[in-house]
Amino acid sequence: MLIRRETTADHDRVDAVHRAAFAAQAPGAEPLEVGLVRLLRGDVGWNPALSLVAEDAAGSVVGHVICTVGSLDVGRAVGLGPIGVTPQQQGSGVGAALMHAVLGAADALDFDVVVLLGHLDYYPRFGFVAARTINIAPPDPGWGDHFQARPLGRWTPGIGGQFRYAAPFERL
């Protein structure tokens, strides 16, 4: 498997990954993640170095992850998501490889923290904690501990406050 930066030639394949990965959540309809990724590419929070694909040995795109720059009262933060892996590859380590790669890329780009809204039983294995425990408030207080944060190398205790995702998230 190869993790690399997404290119414009990958757009249709990335759409297909998210369409397959999230089909069960949107039976008979286009999953919102497909349109969200398209909108994020046109947003000011877009950073091409934080949109990665996973290719299998045959060169097929089997996974995708994106982080976009958000705002935080103090510090530099990115919001992770969506992340998708084709159903055939789920459980094979593709998602974990994408997570490690995008966290490393965000750290190398001097972001302080990565945040996401996600499952409490999956993301802690990558160092995510309830964001409230490190003084980061979610856009929606109802998200509770599902709003998680992963401090990176530049993290200091003074970083925090209210987080806001890139504008396309607000249209969901």
N, C-alpha and C. Protein backbone atom coordinates (compact mmCIF):
# COMPACT_ATOMS: atom_id res chain seq x y z
N MET A 1 0.85 -1.18 0.00
CA MET A 1 0.00 0.00 0.00
C MET A 1 0.89 1.24 0.00
N LEU A 2 0.45 2.23 -0.74
CA LEU A 2 1.14 3.51 -0.82
C LEU A 2 0.19 4.61 -0.35
N ILE A 3 0.65 5.45 0.57
CA ILE A 3 -0.10 6.64 0.98
C ILE A 3 0.59 7.81 0.31
N ARG A 4 -0.19 8.60 -0.42
CA ARG A 4 0.38 9.75 -1.13
C ARG A 4 -0.63 10.88 -1.17
N ARG A 5 -0.13 12.04 -1.59
CA ARG A 5 -0.99 13.20 -1.73
C ARG A 5 -1.98 12.98 -2.87
N GLU A 6 -3.20 13.40 -2.66
CA GLU A 6 -4.23 13.34 -3.69
C GLU A 6 -3.86 14.29 -4.84
N THR A 7 -4.16 13.87 -6.07
CA THR A 7 -3.98 14.74 -7.23
C THR A 7 -5.34 14.98 -7.88
N THR A 8 -5.41 15.91 -8.80
CA THR A 8 -6.68 16.17 -9.49
C THR A 8 -7.15 14.94 -10.26
N ALA A 9 -6.22 14.12 -10.72
CA ALA A 9 -6.59 12.90 -11.43
C ALA A 9 -7.28 11.89 -10.52
N ASP A 10 -7.18 12.07 -9.21
CA ASP A 10 -7.79 11.16 -8.25
C ASP A 10 -9.23 11.53 -7.88
N HIS A 11 -9.70 12.69 -8.26
CA HIS A 11 -10.99 13.18 -7.75
C HIS A 11 -12.14 12.19 -7.93
N ASP A 12 -12.29 11.64 -9.13
CA ASP A 12 -13.38 10.69 -9.36
C ASP A 12 -13.19 9.43 -8.52
N ARG A 13 -11.93 8.99 -8.37
CA ARG A 13 -11.66 7.79 -7.57
C ARG A 13 -11.91 8.06 -6.08
N VAL A 14 -11.61 9.26 -5.63
CA VAL A 14 -11.90 9.62 -4.24
C VAL A 14 -13.41 9.66 -4.02
N ASP A 15 -14.15 10.23 -4.98
CA ASP A 15 -15.61 10.20 -4.89
C ASP A 15 -16.11 8.77 -4.75
N ALA A 16 -15.56 7.87 -5.55
CA ALA A 16 -15.98 6.46 -5.52
C ALA A 16 -15.68 5.82 -4.17
N VAL A 17 -14.54 6.15 -3.58
CA VAL A 17 -14.19 5.62 -2.25
C VAL A 17 -15.24 6.04 -1.24
N HIS A 18 -15.55 7.33 -1.18
CA HIS A 18 -16.52 7.81 -0.19
C HIS A 18 -17.93 7.32 -0.50
N ARG A 19 -18.25 7.21 -1.77
CA ARG A 19 -19.57 6.69 -2.16
C ARG A 19 -19.73 5.26 -1.64
N ALA A 20 -18.71 4.44 -1.80
CA ALA A 20 -18.77 3.05 -1.32
C ALA A 20 -18.69 2.97 0.20
N ALA A 21 -17.79 3.75 0.78
CA ALA A 21 -17.57 3.69 2.23
C ALA A 21 -18.80 4.10 3.03
N PHE A 22 -19.55 5.06 2.51
CA PHE A 22 -20.69 5.61 3.26
C PHE A 22 -22.05 5.24 2.67
N ALA A 23 -22.08 4.28 1.75
CA ALA A 23 -23.33 3.89 1.09
C ALA A 23 -24.38 3.42 2.08
N ALA A 24 -23.98 2.69 3.10
CA ALA A 24 -24.95 2.15 4.06
C ALA A 24 -25.63 3.25 4.86
N GLN A 25 -24.96 4.40 5.01
CA GLN A 25 -25.54 5.51 5.77
C GLN A 25 -26.48 6.36 4.93
N ALA A 26 -26.45 6.16 3.61
CA ALA A 26 -27.31 6.95 2.71
C ALA A 26 -27.89 6.04 1.64
N PRO A 27 -28.68 5.03 2.03
CA PRO A 27 -29.20 4.09 1.03
C PRO A 27 -30.00 4.81 -0.07
N GLY A 28 -29.61 4.55 -1.30
CA GLY A 28 -30.32 5.12 -2.43
C GLY A 28 -30.02 6.58 -2.70
N ALA A 29 -29.11 7.17 -1.96
CA ALA A 29 -28.77 8.59 -2.15
C ALA A 29 -27.25 8.75 -2.18
N GLU A 30 -26.81 9.90 -2.66
CA GLU A 30 -25.39 10.22 -2.66
C GLU A 30 -24.97 10.54 -1.22
N PRO A 31 -23.99 9.82 -0.68
CA PRO A 31 -23.52 10.16 0.67
C PRO A 31 -23.01 11.59 0.72
N LEU A 32 -23.32 12.29 1.80
CA LEU A 32 -22.91 13.70 1.91
C LEU A 32 -21.41 13.88 1.90
N GLU A 33 -20.64 12.85 2.28
CA GLU A 33 -19.18 12.94 2.30
C GLU A 33 -18.61 13.20 0.91
N VAL A 34 -19.27 12.69 -0.13
CA VAL A 34 -18.80 12.89 -1.51
C VAL A 34 -18.83 14.38 -1.84
N GLY A 35 -19.95 15.02 -1.63
CA GLY A 35 -20.06 16.46 -1.90
C GLY A 35 -19.22 17.30 -0.97
N LEU A 36 -19.11 16.86 0.28
CA LEU A 36 -18.31 17.62 1.25
C LEU A 36 -16.85 17.70 0.81
N VAL A 37 -16.28 16.59 0.39
CA VAL A 37 -14.88 16.61 -0.07
C VAL A 37 -14.73 17.56 -1.25
N ARG A 38 -15.66 17.52 -2.17
CA ARG A 38 -15.60 18.44 -3.33
C ARG A 38 -15.60 19.90 -2.87
N LEU A 39 -16.50 20.22 -1.93
CA LEU A 39 -16.58 21.60 -1.43
C LEU A 39 -15.32 22.00 -0.66
N LEU A 40 -14.78 21.07 0.11
CA LEU A 40 -13.57 21.40 0.88
C LEU A 40 -12.39 21.74 -0.02
N ARG A 41 -12.30 21.09 -1.17
CA ARG A 41 -11.21 21.40 -2.10
C ARG A 41 -11.25 22.85 -2.58
N GLY A 42 -12.42 23.48 -2.57
CA GLY A 42 -12.55 24.86 -3.02
C GLY A 42 -12.55 25.88 -1.89
N ASP A 43 -12.37 25.42 -0.66
CA ASP A 43 -12.43 26.30 0.50
C ASP A 43 -11.06 26.87 0.83
N VAL A 44 -11.04 28.02 1.52
CA VAL A 44 -9.77 28.63 1.92
C VAL A 44 -9.01 27.75 2.92
N GLY A 45 -9.72 26.84 3.59
CA GLY A 45 -9.07 25.94 4.54
C GLY A 45 -8.39 24.75 3.89
N TRP A 46 -8.53 24.62 2.58
CA TRP A 46 -7.94 23.51 1.82
C TRP A 46 -6.43 23.59 1.85
N ASN A 47 -5.78 22.49 2.17
CA ASN A 47 -4.33 22.37 2.09
C ASN A 47 -4.05 21.05 1.38
N PRO A 48 -3.56 21.08 0.15
CA PRO A 48 -3.36 19.85 -0.62
C PRO A 48 -2.48 18.82 0.09
N ALA A 49 -1.58 19.28 0.93
CA ALA A 49 -0.69 18.35 1.65
C ALA A 49 -1.44 17.54 2.71
N LEU A 50 -2.69 17.92 2.98
CA LEU A 50 -3.49 17.22 3.99
C LEU A 50 -4.68 16.48 3.37
N SER A 51 -4.59 16.17 2.09
CA SER A 51 -5.59 15.34 1.42
C SER A 51 -4.83 14.18 0.81
N LEU A 52 -4.97 13.01 1.43
CA LEU A 52 -4.15 11.85 1.09
C LEU A 52 -5.00 10.69 0.61
N VAL A 53 -4.44 9.91 -0.31
CA VAL A 53 -5.09 8.69 -0.76
C VAL A 53 -4.22 7.49 -0.42
N ALA A 54 -4.87 6.34 -0.31
CA ALA A 54 -4.20 5.06 -0.16
C ALA A 54 -4.40 4.29 -1.45
N GLU A 55 -3.30 3.81 -2.01
CA GLU A 55 -3.35 2.99 -3.23
C GLU A 55 -2.96 1.56 -2.87
N ASP A 56 -3.67 0.60 -3.43
CA ASP A 56 -3.27 -0.79 -3.23
C ASP A 56 -2.15 -1.15 -4.21
N ALA A 57 -1.70 -2.39 -4.17
CA ALA A 57 -0.57 -2.82 -5.01
C ALA A 57 -0.88 -2.70 -6.50
N ALA A 58 -2.17 -2.75 -6.87
CA ALA A 58 -2.55 -2.62 -8.28
C ALA A 58 -2.70 -1.18 -8.73
N GLY A 59 -2.53 -0.23 -7.80
CA GLY A 59 -2.66 1.19 -8.13
C GLY A 59 -4.06 1.74 -7.99
N SER A 60 -4.97 0.95 -7.43
CA SER A 60 -6.34 1.42 -7.21
C SER A 60 -6.41 2.25 -5.93
N VAL A 61 -7.16 3.34 -5.97
CA VAL A 61 -7.36 4.15 -4.77
C VAL A 61 -8.40 3.45 -3.91
N VAL A 62 -8.00 3.08 -2.68
CA VAL A 62 -8.87 2.32 -1.78
C VAL A 62 -9.19 3.07 -0.50
N GLY A 63 -8.63 4.27 -0.35
CA GLY A 63 -8.91 5.07 0.85
C GLY A 63 -8.55 6.52 0.64
N HIS A 64 -9.15 7.38 1.47
CA HIS A 64 -8.91 8.82 1.38
C HIS A 64 -9.13 9.45 2.74
N VAL A 65 -8.33 10.44 3.06
CA VAL A 65 -8.52 11.25 4.26
C VAL A 65 -8.19 12.69 3.92
N ILE A 66 -8.89 13.60 4.59
CA ILE A 66 -8.65 15.02 4.38
C ILE A 66 -8.72 15.75 5.71
N CYS A 67 -7.82 16.71 5.87
CA CYS A 67 -7.89 17.66 6.98
C CYS A 67 -7.96 19.05 6.36
N THR A 68 -8.76 19.92 6.94
CA THR A 68 -8.84 21.30 6.48
C THR A 68 -8.64 22.23 7.66
N VAL A 69 -8.08 23.38 7.37
CA VAL A 69 -7.78 24.35 8.41
C VAL A 69 -9.07 24.90 8.99
N GLY A 70 -9.15 24.87 10.29
CA GLY A 70 -10.28 25.45 11.01
C GLY A 70 -9.77 26.60 11.86
N SER A 71 -10.64 27.13 12.70
CA SER A 71 -10.20 28.22 13.57
C SER A 71 -10.34 27.80 15.03
N LEU A 72 -9.44 28.31 15.81
CA LEU A 72 -9.38 28.04 17.24
C LEU A 72 -9.00 29.36 17.90
N ASP A 73 -9.53 29.64 19.07
CA ASP A 73 -9.22 30.91 19.73
C ASP A 73 -7.72 31.12 19.87
N VAL A 74 -7.01 30.09 20.31
CA VAL A 74 -5.55 30.16 20.45
C VAL A 74 -4.95 28.90 19.85
N GLY A 75 -4.10 29.06 18.85
CA GLY A 75 -3.43 27.92 18.24
C GLY A 75 -3.86 27.67 16.81
N ARG A 76 -3.16 26.75 16.18
CA ARG A 76 -3.42 26.37 14.78
C ARG A 76 -4.00 24.97 14.77
N ALA A 77 -5.20 24.84 14.21
CA ALA A 77 -5.90 23.56 14.23
C ALA A 77 -6.44 23.18 12.87
N VAL A 78 -6.52 21.87 12.64
CA VAL A 78 -7.19 21.34 11.46
C VAL A 78 -8.27 20.38 11.91
N GLY A 79 -9.33 20.33 11.10
CA GLY A 79 -10.41 19.37 11.33
C GLY A 79 -10.23 18.20 10.38
N LEU A 80 -10.26 17.00 10.92
CA LEU A 80 -10.09 15.79 10.12
C LEU A 80 -11.45 15.27 9.69
N GLY A 81 -11.54 14.95 8.43
CA GLY A 81 -12.73 14.29 7.93
C GLY A 81 -13.23 14.94 6.65
N PRO A 82 -13.83 14.10 5.85
CA PRO A 82 -14.07 12.70 6.11
C PRO A 82 -12.84 11.82 5.84
N ILE A 83 -12.90 10.64 6.41
CA ILE A 83 -11.95 9.57 6.10
C ILE A 83 -12.79 8.40 5.63
N GLY A 84 -12.39 7.80 4.52
CA GLY A 84 -13.15 6.68 3.98
C GLY A 84 -12.24 5.62 3.40
N VAL A 85 -12.68 4.38 3.53
CA VAL A 85 -11.97 3.22 2.98
C VAL A 85 -13.01 2.35 2.30
N THR A 86 -12.67 1.82 1.13
CA THR A 86 -13.62 0.96 0.43
C THR A 86 -13.99 -0.23 1.32
N PRO A 87 -15.23 -0.69 1.22
CA PRO A 87 -15.66 -1.80 2.08
C PRO A 87 -14.76 -3.03 2.00
N GLN A 88 -14.23 -3.32 0.82
CA GLN A 88 -13.38 -4.49 0.65
C GLN A 88 -12.07 -4.37 1.44
N GLN A 89 -11.64 -3.15 1.71
CA GLN A 89 -10.37 -2.92 2.40
C GLN A 89 -10.53 -2.57 3.87
N GLN A 90 -11.76 -2.37 4.32
CA GLN A 90 -11.96 -2.02 5.73
C GLN A 90 -11.49 -3.15 6.62
N GLY A 91 -10.83 -2.79 7.69
CA GLY A 91 -10.29 -3.77 8.63
C GLY A 91 -8.92 -4.30 8.25
N SER A 92 -8.35 -3.79 7.17
CA SER A 92 -7.05 -4.29 6.70
C SER A 92 -5.89 -3.36 7.04
N GLY A 93 -6.15 -2.26 7.75
CA GLY A 93 -5.09 -1.34 8.12
C GLY A 93 -4.99 -0.10 7.26
N VAL A 94 -5.82 0.01 6.23
CA VAL A 94 -5.77 1.17 5.34
C VAL A 94 -6.13 2.43 6.12
N GLY A 95 -7.21 2.39 6.89
CA GLY A 95 -7.63 3.55 7.67
C GLY A 95 -6.57 3.98 8.66
N ALA A 96 -5.96 3.04 9.33
CA ALA A 96 -4.89 3.36 10.29
C ALA A 96 -3.70 4.00 9.59
N ALA A 97 -3.34 3.46 8.43
CA ALA A 97 -2.22 4.04 7.69
C ALA A 97 -2.52 5.48 7.27
N LEU A 98 -3.75 5.72 6.81
CA LEU A 98 -4.14 7.08 6.45
C LEU A 98 -4.09 8.01 7.67
N MET A 99 -4.59 7.53 8.80
CA MET A 99 -4.58 8.34 10.02
C MET A 99 -3.15 8.72 10.42
N HIS A 100 -2.27 7.74 10.46
CA HIS A 100 -0.88 8.02 10.85
C HIS A 100 -0.24 9.01 9.87
N ALA A 101 -0.50 8.83 8.59
CA ALA A 101 0.10 9.71 7.58
C ALA A 101 -0.41 11.14 7.70
N VAL A 102 -1.73 11.32 7.88
CA VAL A 102 -2.26 12.68 7.93
C VAL A 102 -1.88 13.36 9.25
N LEU A 103 -1.79 12.61 10.33
CA LEU A 103 -1.32 13.21 11.60
C LEU A 103 0.13 13.65 11.47
N GLY A 104 0.95 12.82 10.83
CA GLY A 104 2.34 13.20 10.60
C GLY A 104 2.47 14.42 9.70
N ALA A 105 1.63 14.49 8.67
CA ALA A 105 1.66 15.64 7.76
C ALA A 105 1.24 16.91 8.49
N ALA A 106 0.19 16.84 9.30
CA ALA A 106 -0.27 18.02 10.04
C ALA A 106 0.80 18.48 11.03
N ASP A 107 1.46 17.54 11.66
CA ASP A 107 2.54 17.88 12.59
C ASP A 107 3.69 18.54 11.85
N ALA A 108 4.06 18.00 10.69
CA ALA A 108 5.16 18.57 9.90
C ALA A 108 4.84 19.97 9.40
N LEU A 109 3.55 20.27 9.24
CA LEU A 109 3.13 21.60 8.79
C LEU A 109 2.92 22.56 9.96
N ASP A 110 3.34 22.16 11.15
CA ASP A 110 3.31 22.99 12.36
C ASP A 110 1.92 23.33 12.87
N PHE A 111 0.95 22.43 12.68
CA PHE A 111 -0.33 22.61 13.34
C PHE A 111 -0.17 22.13 14.78
N ASP A 112 -0.98 22.69 15.66
CA ASP A 112 -0.91 22.34 17.08
C ASP A 112 -1.77 21.15 17.44
N VAL A 113 -2.90 21.00 16.73
CA VAL A 113 -3.88 20.00 17.11
C VAL A 113 -4.75 19.62 15.92
N VAL A 114 -5.19 18.38 15.92
CA VAL A 114 -6.15 17.88 14.93
C VAL A 114 -7.42 17.53 15.70
N VAL A 115 -8.57 17.95 15.20
CA VAL A 115 -9.84 17.62 15.85
C VAL A 115 -10.72 16.84 14.89
N LEU A 116 -11.67 16.11 15.46
CA LEU A 116 -12.62 15.36 14.65
C LEU A 116 -13.85 15.03 15.48
N LEU A 117 -14.90 14.67 14.79
CA LEU A 117 -16.11 14.16 15.40
C LEU A 117 -16.16 12.69 15.01
N GLY A 118 -16.05 11.81 16.02
CA GLY A 118 -15.97 10.40 15.66
C GLY A 118 -16.22 9.44 16.79
N HIS A 119 -16.09 8.17 16.47
CA HIS A 119 -16.37 7.07 17.39
C HIS A 119 -15.37 7.04 18.55
N LEU A 120 -15.91 6.87 19.74
CA LEU A 120 -15.07 6.84 20.94
C LEU A 120 -14.23 5.57 21.05
N ASP A 121 -14.61 4.53 20.34
CA ASP A 121 -13.85 3.28 20.45
C ASP A 121 -12.79 3.12 19.36
N TYR A 122 -12.69 4.06 18.42
CA TYR A 122 -11.71 3.94 17.33
C TYR A 122 -10.57 4.95 17.44
N TYR A 123 -10.89 6.21 17.58
CA TYR A 123 -9.88 7.26 17.46
C TYR A 123 -8.90 7.39 18.63
N PRO A 124 -9.25 6.99 19.84
CA PRO A 124 -8.26 7.07 20.92
C PRO A 124 -6.98 6.28 20.64
N ARG A 125 -7.03 5.26 19.81
CA ARG A 125 -5.82 4.48 19.50
C ARG A 125 -4.78 5.32 18.75
N PHE A 126 -5.23 6.47 18.22
CA PHE A 126 -4.31 7.38 17.53
C PHE A 126 -3.95 8.59 18.39
N GLY A 127 -4.28 8.53 19.67
CA GLY A 127 -3.94 9.61 20.59
C GLY A 127 -5.02 10.66 20.77
N PHE A 128 -6.21 10.44 20.22
CA PHE A 128 -7.30 11.39 20.39
C PHE A 128 -7.92 11.25 21.77
N VAL A 129 -8.27 12.40 22.34
CA VAL A 129 -8.94 12.46 23.64
C VAL A 129 -10.17 13.36 23.48
N ALA A 130 -11.08 13.28 24.45
CA ALA A 130 -12.21 14.20 24.43
C ALA A 130 -11.65 15.62 24.39
N ALA A 131 -12.04 16.40 23.40
CA ALA A 131 -11.47 17.74 23.20
C ALA A 131 -11.66 18.63 24.43
N ARG A 132 -12.77 18.47 25.12
CA ARG A 132 -13.03 19.30 26.29
C ARG A 132 -11.95 19.12 27.36
N THR A 133 -11.30 17.94 27.40
CA THR A 133 -10.27 17.70 28.42
C THR A 133 -8.99 18.49 28.16
N ILE A 134 -8.86 19.04 26.96
CA ILE A 134 -7.70 19.90 26.67
C ILE A 134 -8.15 21.29 26.25
N ASN A 135 -9.31 21.69 26.77
CA ASN A 135 -9.80 23.06 26.62
C ASN A 135 -10.16 23.46 25.19
N ILE A 136 -10.71 22.51 24.43
CA ILE A 136 -11.20 22.83 23.09
C ILE A 136 -12.70 22.53 23.07
N ALA A 137 -13.46 23.54 22.70
CA ALA A 137 -14.92 23.42 22.68
C ALA A 137 -15.40 23.09 21.27
N PRO A 138 -16.39 22.21 21.15
CA PRO A 138 -16.92 21.84 19.83
C PRO A 138 -17.83 22.91 19.26
N PRO A 139 -18.04 22.89 17.95
CA PRO A 139 -19.01 23.79 17.34
C PRO A 139 -20.43 23.56 17.87
N ASP A 140 -20.72 22.32 18.26
CA ASP A 140 -22.03 21.95 18.79
C ASP A 140 -21.83 21.26 20.14
N PRO A 141 -22.27 21.87 21.24
CA PRO A 141 -22.06 21.27 22.56
C PRO A 141 -22.68 19.88 22.70
N GLY A 142 -23.67 19.56 21.89
CA GLY A 142 -24.31 18.25 21.95
C GLY A 142 -23.41 17.11 21.51
N TRP A 143 -22.28 17.42 20.89
CA TRP A 143 -21.37 16.37 20.42
C TRP A 143 -20.67 15.67 21.58
N GLY A 144 -20.58 16.35 22.71
CA GLY A 144 -19.96 15.74 23.89
C GLY A 144 -18.57 15.20 23.61
N ASP A 145 -18.30 14.02 24.18
CA ASP A 145 -16.96 13.42 24.06
C ASP A 145 -16.67 12.88 22.67
N HIS A 146 -17.66 12.84 21.78
CA HIS A 146 -17.41 12.41 20.41
C HIS A 146 -16.58 13.45 19.65
N PHE A 147 -16.55 14.67 20.14
CA PHE A 147 -15.67 15.69 19.57
C PHE A 147 -14.32 15.50 20.24
N GLN A 148 -13.34 15.06 19.45
CA GLN A 148 -12.05 14.65 19.99
C GLN A 148 -10.91 15.47 19.39
N ALA A 149 -9.81 15.49 20.11
CA ALA A 149 -8.64 16.25 19.67
C ALA A 149 -7.38 15.42 19.86
N ARG A 150 -6.43 15.65 18.97
CA ARG A 150 -5.13 14.97 19.03
C ARG A 150 -4.05 16.04 19.05
N PRO A 151 -3.47 16.31 20.22
CA PRO A 151 -2.38 17.28 20.28
C PRO A 151 -1.19 16.80 19.45
N LEU A 152 -0.52 17.73 18.79
CA LEU A 152 0.66 17.42 17.99
C LEU A 152 1.91 17.98 18.67
N GLY A 153 3.04 17.92 18.01
CA GLY A 153 4.32 18.29 18.61
C GLY A 153 4.42 19.71 19.13
N ARG A 154 3.71 20.64 18.52
CA ARG A 154 3.78 22.06 18.95
C ARG A 154 2.78 22.38 20.05
N TRP A 155 2.00 21.41 20.48
CA TRP A 155 0.95 21.61 21.48
C TRP A 155 1.53 22.14 22.78
N THR A 156 0.87 23.14 23.35
CA THR A 156 1.16 23.62 24.71
C THR A 156 -0.17 23.79 25.42
N PRO A 157 -0.18 23.77 26.75
CA PRO A 157 -1.45 23.86 27.49
C PRO A 157 -2.25 25.14 27.25
N GLY A 158 -1.64 26.21 26.74
CA GLY A 158 -2.37 27.45 26.50
C GLY A 158 -3.21 27.44 25.24
N ILE A 159 -3.07 26.42 24.43
CA ILE A 159 -3.82 26.32 23.18
C ILE A 159 -5.23 25.85 23.49
N GLY A 160 -6.21 26.44 22.80
CA GLY A 160 -7.58 25.98 23.01
C GLY A 160 -8.61 27.02 22.66
N GLY A 161 -9.82 26.80 23.17
CA GLY A 161 -10.95 27.68 22.92
C GLY A 161 -11.96 27.03 22.01
N GLN A 162 -12.77 27.86 21.38
CA GLN A 162 -13.83 27.41 20.49
C GLN A 162 -13.25 27.02 19.13
N PHE A 163 -13.60 25.82 18.66
CA PHE A 163 -13.15 25.39 17.34
C PHE A 163 -14.28 25.57 16.33
N ARG A 164 -13.90 26.00 15.12
CA ARG A 164 -14.84 26.08 14.00
C ARG A 164 -14.21 25.39 12.81
N TYR A 165 -14.99 24.51 12.20
CA TYR A 165 -14.55 23.81 11.00
C TYR A 165 -14.53 24.76 9.80
N ALA A 166 -13.89 24.31 8.72
CA ALA A 166 -13.94 25.03 7.44
C ALA A 166 -15.42 25.21 7.05
N ALA A 167 -15.71 26.28 6.34
CA ALA A 167 -17.08 26.69 6.04
C ALA A 167 -17.96 25.59 5.44
N PRO A 168 -17.47 24.71 4.55
CA PRO A 168 -18.38 23.69 4.00
C PRO A 168 -19.03 22.79 5.05
N PHE A 169 -18.40 22.59 6.18
CA PHE A 169 -19.00 21.79 7.25
C PHE A 169 -20.26 22.45 7.79
N GLU A 170 -20.30 23.76 7.79
CA GLU A 170 -21.46 24.47 8.33
C GLU A 170 -22.68 24.31 7.44
N ARG A 171 -22.49 23.88 6.20
CA ARG A 171 -23.61 23.70 5.27
C ARG A 171 -24.26 22.32 5.41
N LEU A 172 -23.70 21.47 6.25
CA LEU A 172 -24.24 20.10 6.40
C LEU A 172 -25.54 20.11 7.15
